[in-house]
Amino acid sequence: MFGPVVAAAVILDPSRQIRGLDDSKKLRPERREELAVRIRERALGWAVAEVDADRIDAWNIHRASCQAMLHALAELKVTPDYLLIDAVRLETAIPQKPLIHGDARSISIAAASIVAKQWRDRLMDRWAGVYPQYGFDHNRGYATADHLQALRQFGPTPHHRFSFAPVRQAGCWAASAIQTNLPLAPARPGDAAE
């Protein structure tokens, strides 16, 4: 319900295998962190892209996710010959195969899933420092009971996804956030200050 949608593109190096690749949702955060580091070190190419909450609200989550995937693909330093994509077809000339539950069926998709999830987790840790009352460091922006309670108590921030019903129902808090000069964004996980 909060923040950008994050997508990653990864081209694995068959000569530098990585053990333990699996659907990012099945992995503990510590294991995802370890694997994300290995993937970035050993992959032939990797890239991450974000599409912010305003675009999600303007388009919809599906279109925003596809755009994030296309942006990540465009950022790769190596052009892939073929795309394996988790469940969707992208508007690109590169031959592709969408796989339902792809992150559980393909190590390439699993690797991209891990990199994207780890990136977003780190991003949410930074947002937790900006808006501590929402508990982003543990709910990661999902519709958990504590996040829903914080929305009812504090209203949404300017970075919540207003097209999502619980956020919309919580009312408009963005005007007061601007008046009180709340920070608009923390540093991104890949910024030089890290």
C-alpha atoms as a PDB file:
ATOM      1  CA  MET A   1       0.000   0.000   0.000  1.00  0.00           C
ATOM      2  CA  PHE A   2       3.049   2.269   0.219  1.00  0.00           C
ATOM      3  CA  GLY A   3       5.905   3.372  -1.969  1.00  0.00           C
ATOM      4  CA  PRO A   4       7.171   2.304  -5.346  1.00  0.00           C
ATOM      5  CA  VAL A   5       6.856  -1.003  -7.092  1.00  0.00           C
ATOM      6  CA  VAL A   6      10.361  -2.405  -7.608  1.00  0.00           C
ATOM      7  CA  ALA A   7      11.458  -4.735 -10.405  1.00  0.00           C
ATOM      8  CA  ALA A   8      14.809  -6.280 -11.205  1.00  0.00           C
ATOM      9  CA  ALA A   9      16.367  -7.830 -14.285  1.00  0.00           C
ATOM     10  CA  VAL A  10      19.153 -10.376 -13.836  1.00  0.00           C
ATOM     11  CA  ILE A  11      21.297 -12.273 -16.336  1.00  0.00           C
ATOM     12  CA  LEU A  12      22.909 -15.171 -14.495  1.00  0.00           C
ATOM     13  CA  ASP A  13      26.347 -16.456 -15.408  1.00  0.00           C
ATOM     14  CA  PRO A  14      26.087 -20.245 -15.955  1.00  0.00           C
ATOM     15  CA  SER A  15      29.747 -20.635 -14.983  1.00  0.00           C
ATOM     16  CA  ARG A  16      29.164 -18.970 -11.575  1.00  0.00           C
ATOM     17  CA  GLN A  17      26.230 -20.849 -10.098  1.00  0.00           C
ATOM     18  CA  ILE A  18      24.472 -19.642  -6.969  1.00  0.00           C
ATOM     19  CA  ARG A  19      23.022 -22.236  -4.598  1.00  0.00           C
ATOM     20  CA  GLY A  20      19.717 -21.642  -2.853  1.00  0.00           C
ATOM     21  CA  LEU A  21      17.892 -19.472  -5.385  1.00  0.00           C
ATOM     22  CA  ASP A  22      14.153 -19.693  -4.747  1.00  0.00           C
ATOM     23  CA  ASP A  23      11.013 -17.593  -4.667  1.00  0.00           C
ATOM     24  CA  SER A  24      11.964 -14.509  -2.609  1.00  0.00           C
ATOM     25  CA  LYS A  25       8.786 -14.839  -0.519  1.00  0.00           C
ATOM     26  CA  LYS A  26       9.932 -18.265   0.712  1.00  0.00           C
ATOM     27  CA  LEU A  27      13.294 -16.983   1.954  1.00  0.00           C
ATOM     28  CA  ARG A  28      14.071 -15.423   5.315  1.00  0.00           C
ATOM     29  CA  PRO A  29      15.230 -11.783   5.065  1.00  0.00           C
ATOM     30  CA  GLU A  30      18.799 -12.658   6.110  1.00  0.00           C
ATOM     31  CA  ARG A  31      19.023 -15.324   3.405  1.00  0.00           C
ATOM     32  CA  ARG A  32      17.588 -12.935   0.780  1.00  0.00           C
ATOM     33  CA  GLU A  33      20.243 -10.399   1.741  1.00  0.00           C
ATOM     34  CA  GLU A  34      23.045 -12.978   1.351  1.00  0.00           C
ATOM     35  CA  LEU A  35      21.706 -14.187  -1.981  1.00  0.00           C
ATOM     36  CA  ALA A  36      21.166 -10.656  -3.320  1.00  0.00           C
ATOM     37  CA  VAL A  37      24.825  -9.849  -2.658  1.00  0.00           C
ATOM     38  CA  ARG A  38      25.934 -13.065  -4.402  1.00  0.00           C
ATOM     39  CA  ILE A  39      23.640 -12.424  -7.362  1.00  0.00           C
ATOM     40  CA  ARG A  40      24.973  -8.885  -7.849  1.00  0.00           C
ATOM     41  CA  GLU A  41      28.561 -10.155  -7.593  1.00  0.00           C
ATOM     42  CA  ARG A  42      28.211 -13.153  -9.915  1.00  0.00           C
ATOM     43  CA  ALA A  43      25.603 -12.121 -12.492  1.00  0.00           C
ATOM     44  CA  LEU A  44      26.606 -11.116 -16.001  1.00  0.00           C
ATOM     45  CA  GLY A  45      24.251  -8.178 -15.545  1.00  0.00           C
ATOM     46  CA  TRP A  46      21.628  -6.880 -13.142  1.00  0.00           C
ATOM     47  CA  ALA A  47      19.520  -3.756 -12.798  1.00  0.00           C
ATOM     48  CA  VAL A  48      16.756  -2.452 -10.557  1.00  0.00           C
ATOM     49  CA  ALA A  49      14.002   0.034 -11.395  1.00  0.00           C
ATOM     50  CA  GLU A  50      11.228   1.672  -9.409  1.00  0.00           C
ATOM     51  CA  VAL A  51       7.905   3.181 -10.400  1.00  0.00           C
ATOM     52  CA  ASP A  52       6.556   5.486  -7.704  1.00  0.00           C
ATOM     53  CA  ALA A  53       3.176   5.508  -5.989  1.00  0.00           C
ATOM     54  CA  ASP A  54       1.903   8.443  -8.075  1.00  0.00           C
ATOM     55  CA  ARG A  55       2.416   6.428 -11.282  1.00  0.00           C
ATOM     56  CA  ILE A  56       0.818   3.353  -9.672  1.00  0.00           C
ATOM     57  CA  ASP A  57      -2.222   5.489  -8.850  1.00  0.00           C
ATOM     58  CA  ALA A  58      -2.325   7.041 -12.332  1.00  0.00           C
ATOM     59  CA  TRP A  59      -1.940   3.755 -14.239  1.00  0.00           C
ATOM     60  CA  ASN A  60      -2.641   0.732 -11.989  1.00  0.00           C
ATOM     61  CA  ILE A  61      -0.304  -1.699 -10.249  1.00  0.00           C
ATOM     62  CA  HIS A  62      -0.119  -4.083 -13.226  1.00  0.00           C
ATOM     63  CA  ARG A  63       0.938  -1.414 -15.723  1.00  0.00           C
ATOM     64  CA  ALA A  64       3.335   0.162 -13.199  1.00  0.00           C
ATOM     65  CA  SER A  65       4.932  -3.257 -12.561  1.00  0.00           C
ATOM     66  CA  CYS A  66       5.384  -3.850 -16.285  1.00  0.00           C
ATOM     67  CA  GLN A  67       6.933  -0.389 -16.674  1.00  0.00           C
ATOM     68  CA  ALA A  68       9.340  -1.097 -13.799  1.00  0.00           C
ATOM     69  CA  MET A  69      10.342  -4.354 -15.529  1.00  0.00           C
ATOM     70  CA  LEU A  70      10.917  -2.543 -18.819  1.00  0.00           C
ATOM     71  CA  HIS A  71      12.998   0.144 -17.085  1.00  0.00           C
ATOM     72  CA  ALA A  72      15.112  -2.520 -15.349  1.00  0.00           C
ATOM     73  CA  LEU A  73      15.577  -4.278 -18.683  1.00  0.00           C
ATOM     74  CA  ALA A  74      16.686  -0.998 -20.308  1.00  0.00           C
ATOM     75  CA  GLU A  75      19.241  -0.429 -17.529  1.00  0.00           C
ATOM     76  CA  LEU A  76      21.025  -3.755 -18.091  1.00  0.00           C
ATOM     77  CA  LYS A  77      24.579  -3.355 -19.356  1.00  0.00           C
ATOM     78  CA  VAL A  78      24.209  -6.640 -21.286  1.00  0.00           C
ATOM     79  CA  THR A  79      21.332  -7.172 -23.711  1.00  0.00           C
ATOM     80  CA  PRO A  80      19.538 -10.452 -23.062  1.00  0.00           C
ATOM     81  CA  ASP A  81      18.784 -12.884 -25.886  1.00  0.00           C
ATOM     82  CA  TYR A  82      15.585 -14.145 -24.286  1.00  0.00           C
ATOM     83  CA  LEU A  83      13.379 -13.100 -21.373  1.00  0.00           C
ATOM     84  CA  LEU A  84      11.816 -15.281 -18.722  1.00  0.00           C
ATOM     85  CA  ILE A  85       9.219 -13.160 -16.942  1.00  0.00           C
ATOM     86  CA  ASP A  86       7.064 -13.820 -13.913  1.00  0.00           C
ATOM     87  CA  ALA A  87       3.504 -14.154 -15.266  1.00  0.00           C
ATOM     88  CA  VAL A  88       3.319 -11.168 -17.637  1.00  0.00           C
ATOM     89  CA  ARG A  89       4.202 -10.366 -21.216  1.00  0.00           C
ATOM     90  CA  LEU A  90       6.208  -7.178 -21.803  1.00  0.00           C
ATOM     91  CA  GLU A  91       6.014  -4.867 -24.795  1.00  0.00           C
ATOM     92  CA  THR A  92       9.501  -5.496 -26.159  1.00  0.00           C
ATOM     93  CA  ALA A  93      10.973  -7.017 -29.312  1.00  0.00           C
ATOM     94  CA  ILE A  94      13.102  -9.419 -27.254  1.00  0.00           C
ATOM     95  CA  PRO A  95      11.673 -12.954 -27.402  1.00  0.00           C
ATOM     96  CA  GLN A  96      10.073 -13.870 -24.076  1.00  0.00           C
ATOM     97  CA  LYS A  97       8.192 -16.469 -22.094  1.00  0.00           C
ATOM     98  CA  PRO A  98       5.913 -15.505 -19.231  1.00  0.00           C
ATOM     99  CA  LEU A  99       5.778 -18.175 -16.520  1.00  0.00           C
ATOM    100  CA  ILE A 100       2.994 -18.383 -13.944  1.00  0.00           C
ATOM    101  CA  HIS A 101       4.693 -18.672 -10.534  1.00  0.00           C
ATOM    102  CA  GLY A 102       7.930 -18.032 -12.393  1.00  0.00           C
ATOM    103  CA  ASP A 103       9.925 -17.184  -9.278  1.00  0.00           C
ATOM    104  CA  ALA A 104       9.321 -20.764  -8.085  1.00  0.00           C
ATOM    105  CA  ARG A 105       9.980 -22.323 -11.525  1.00  0.00           C
ATOM    106  CA  SER A 106      13.020 -20.459 -12.856  1.00  0.00           C
ATOM    107  CA  ILE A 107      16.270 -19.596 -11.084  1.00  0.00           C
ATOM    108  CA  SER A 108      16.628 -16.536 -13.326  1.00  0.00           C
ATOM    109  CA  ILE A 109      13.247 -15.192 -12.256  1.00  0.00           C
ATOM    110  CA  ALA A 110      13.989 -16.174  -8.649  1.00  0.00           C
ATOM    111  CA  ALA A 111      17.250 -14.204  -8.797  1.00  0.00           C
ATOM    112  CA  ALA A 112      15.460 -11.104 -10.100  1.00  0.00           C
ATOM    113  CA  SER A 113      12.768 -11.561  -7.460  1.00  0.00           C
ATOM    114  CA  ILE A 114      15.399 -11.731  -4.693  1.00  0.00           C
ATOM    115  CA  VAL A 115      17.253  -8.634  -5.907  1.00  0.00           C
ATOM    116  CA  ALA A 116      14.013  -6.638  -6.221  1.00  0.00           C
ATOM    117  CA  LYS A 117      12.665  -7.764  -2.832  1.00  0.00           C
ATOM    118  CA  GLN A 118      15.946  -7.045  -1.047  1.00  0.00           C
ATOM    119  CA  TRP A 119      16.120  -3.604  -2.720  1.00  0.00           C
ATOM    120  CA  ARG A 120      12.576  -2.775  -1.648  1.00  0.00           C
ATOM    121  CA  ASP A 121      13.183  -4.070   1.900  1.00  0.00           C
ATOM    122  CA  ARG A 122      16.167  -1.747   2.246  1.00  0.00           C
ATOM    123  CA  LEU A 123      14.124   1.094   0.793  1.00  0.00           C
ATOM    124  CA  MET A 124      11.360   0.404   3.333  1.00  0.00           C
ATOM    125  CA  ASP A 125      13.929   0.411   6.158  1.00  0.00           C
ATOM    126  CA  ARG A 126      14.857   3.931   5.080  1.00  0.00           C
ATOM    127  CA  TRP A 127      11.207   4.993   4.861  1.00  0.00           C
ATOM    128  CA  ALA A 128      10.741   3.623   8.403  1.00  0.00           C
ATOM    129  CA  GLY A 129      13.196   6.291   9.563  1.00  0.00           C
ATOM    130  CA  VAL A 130      11.133   8.995   7.859  1.00  0.00           C
ATOM    131  CA  TYR A 131       7.716   7.729   9.009  1.00  0.00           C
ATOM    132  CA  PRO A 132       8.384   5.540  12.096  1.00  0.00           C
ATOM    133  CA  GLN A 133       4.716   5.448  13.140  1.00  0.00           C
ATOM    134  CA  TYR A 134       3.857   3.153  10.196  1.00  0.00           C
ATOM    135  CA  GLY A 135       6.258   0.300  11.043  1.00  0.00           C
ATOM    136  CA  PHE A 136       7.615  -0.025   7.508  1.00  0.00           C
ATOM    137  CA  ASP A 137      10.719  -1.799   8.822  1.00  0.00           C
ATOM    138  CA  HIS A 138       8.578  -4.857   9.611  1.00  0.00           C
ATOM    139  CA  ASN A 139       5.352  -4.578   7.566  1.00  0.00           C
ATOM    140  CA  ARG A 140       7.208  -3.470   4.408  1.00  0.00           C
ATOM    141  CA  GLY A 141       4.209  -1.383   3.334  1.00  0.00           C
ATOM    142  CA  TYR A 142       1.835  -4.354   3.089  1.00  0.00           C
ATOM    143  CA  ALA A 143      -1.728  -4.276   4.456  1.00  0.00           C
ATOM    144  CA  THR A 144      -0.883  -5.735   7.866  1.00  0.00           C
ATOM    145  CA  ALA A 145      -2.994  -5.041  10.957  1.00  0.00           C
ATOM    146  CA  ASP A 146      -0.449  -2.552  12.346  1.00  0.00           C
ATOM    147  CA  HIS A 147      -0.155  -0.694   9.040  1.00  0.00           C
ATOM    148  CA  LEU A 148      -3.939  -0.455   8.727  1.00  0.00           C
ATOM    149  CA  GLN A 149      -4.141   0.804  12.324  1.00  0.00           C
ATOM    150  CA  ALA A 150      -1.462   3.443  11.599  1.00  0.00           C
ATOM    151  CA  LEU A 151      -3.414   4.542   8.517  1.00  0.00           C
ATOM    152  CA  ARG A 152      -6.550   4.959  10.628  1.00  0.00           C
ATOM    153  CA  GLN A 153      -4.632   6.852  13.306  1.00  0.00           C
ATOM    154  CA  PHE A 154      -2.316   9.045  11.207  1.00  0.00           C
ATOM    155  CA  GLY A 155      -3.821   8.978   7.726  1.00  0.00           C
ATOM    156  CA  PRO A 156      -1.802   8.233   4.585  1.00  0.00           C
ATOM    157  CA  THR A 157       1.495   9.888   3.702  1.00  0.00           C
ATOM    158  CA  PRO A 158       2.062  11.449   0.273  1.00  0.00           C
ATOM    159  CA  HIS A 159       3.817   8.191  -0.704  1.00  0.00           C
ATOM    160  CA  HIS A 160       0.951   5.815   0.005  1.00  0.00           C
ATOM    161  CA  ARG A 161      -0.880   4.308  -2.966  1.00  0.00           C
ATOM    162  CA  PHE A 162      -4.179   6.200  -2.960  1.00  0.00           C
ATOM    163  CA  SER A 163      -5.679   3.881  -5.588  1.00  0.00           C
ATOM    164  CA  PHE A 164      -5.636   1.124  -2.934  1.00  0.00           C
ATOM    165  CA  ALA A 165      -8.933   1.096  -1.003  1.00  0.00           C
ATOM    166  CA  PRO A 166      -7.559   1.095   2.589  1.00  0.00           C
ATOM    167  CA  VAL A 167      -5.393   4.122   1.797  1.00  0.00           C
ATOM    168  CA  ARG A 168      -8.215   5.943   0.042  1.00  0.00           C
ATOM    169  CA  GLN A 169     -10.531   5.243   2.979  1.00  0.00           C
ATOM    170  CA  ALA A 170      -7.978   6.585   5.482  1.00  0.00           C
ATOM    171  CA  GLY A 171      -8.369  10.121   4.119  1.00  0.00           C
ATOM    172  CA  CYS A 172      -5.965  12.686   2.759  1.00  0.00           C
ATOM    173  CA  TRP A 173      -2.989  13.441   4.965  1.00  0.00           C
ATOM    174  CA  ALA A 174      -0.698  14.734   2.200  1.00  0.00           C
ATOM    175  CA  ALA A 175      -1.639  18.401   2.643  1.00  0.00           C
ATOM    176  CA  SER A 176      -0.695  18.403   6.326  1.00  0.00           C
ATOM    177  CA  ALA A 177       2.554  16.556   5.512  1.00  0.00           C
ATOM    178  CA  ILE A 178       3.551  19.315   3.112  1.00  0.00           C
ATOM    179  CA  GLN A 179       2.590  22.005   5.636  1.00  0.00           C
ATOM    180  CA  THR A 180       4.739  20.406   8.348  1.00  0.00           C
ATOM    181  CA  ASN A 181       7.691  19.967   5.953  1.00  0.00           C
ATOM    182  CA  LEU A 182       7.937  16.210   6.351  1.00  0.00           C
ATOM    183  CA  PRO A 183      10.740  14.782   4.195  1.00  0.00           C
ATOM    184  CA  LEU A 184       9.648  13.699   0.749  1.00  0.00           C
ATOM    185  CA  ALA A 185      12.051  10.768   0.401  1.00  0.00           C
ATOM    186  CA  PRO A 186      15.000   9.065   2.041  1.00  0.00           C
ATOM    187  CA  ALA A 187      18.116   8.183   0.074  1.00  0.00           C
ATOM    188  CA  ARG A 188      17.579   5.200  -2.259  1.00  0.00           C
ATOM    189  CA  PRO A 189      19.443   1.946  -1.481  1.00  0.00           C
ATOM    190  CA  GLY A 190      21.831   2.421  -4.425  1.00  0.00           C
ATOM    191  CA  ASP A 191      22.685   6.086  -3.747  1.00  0.00           C
ATOM    192  CA  ALA A 192      26.329   7.046  -3.277  1.00  0.00           C
ATOM    193  CA  ALA A 193      25.878   7.981   0.398  1.00  0.00           C
ATOM    194  CA  GLU A 194      25.364   4.331   1.262  1.00  0.00           C
END
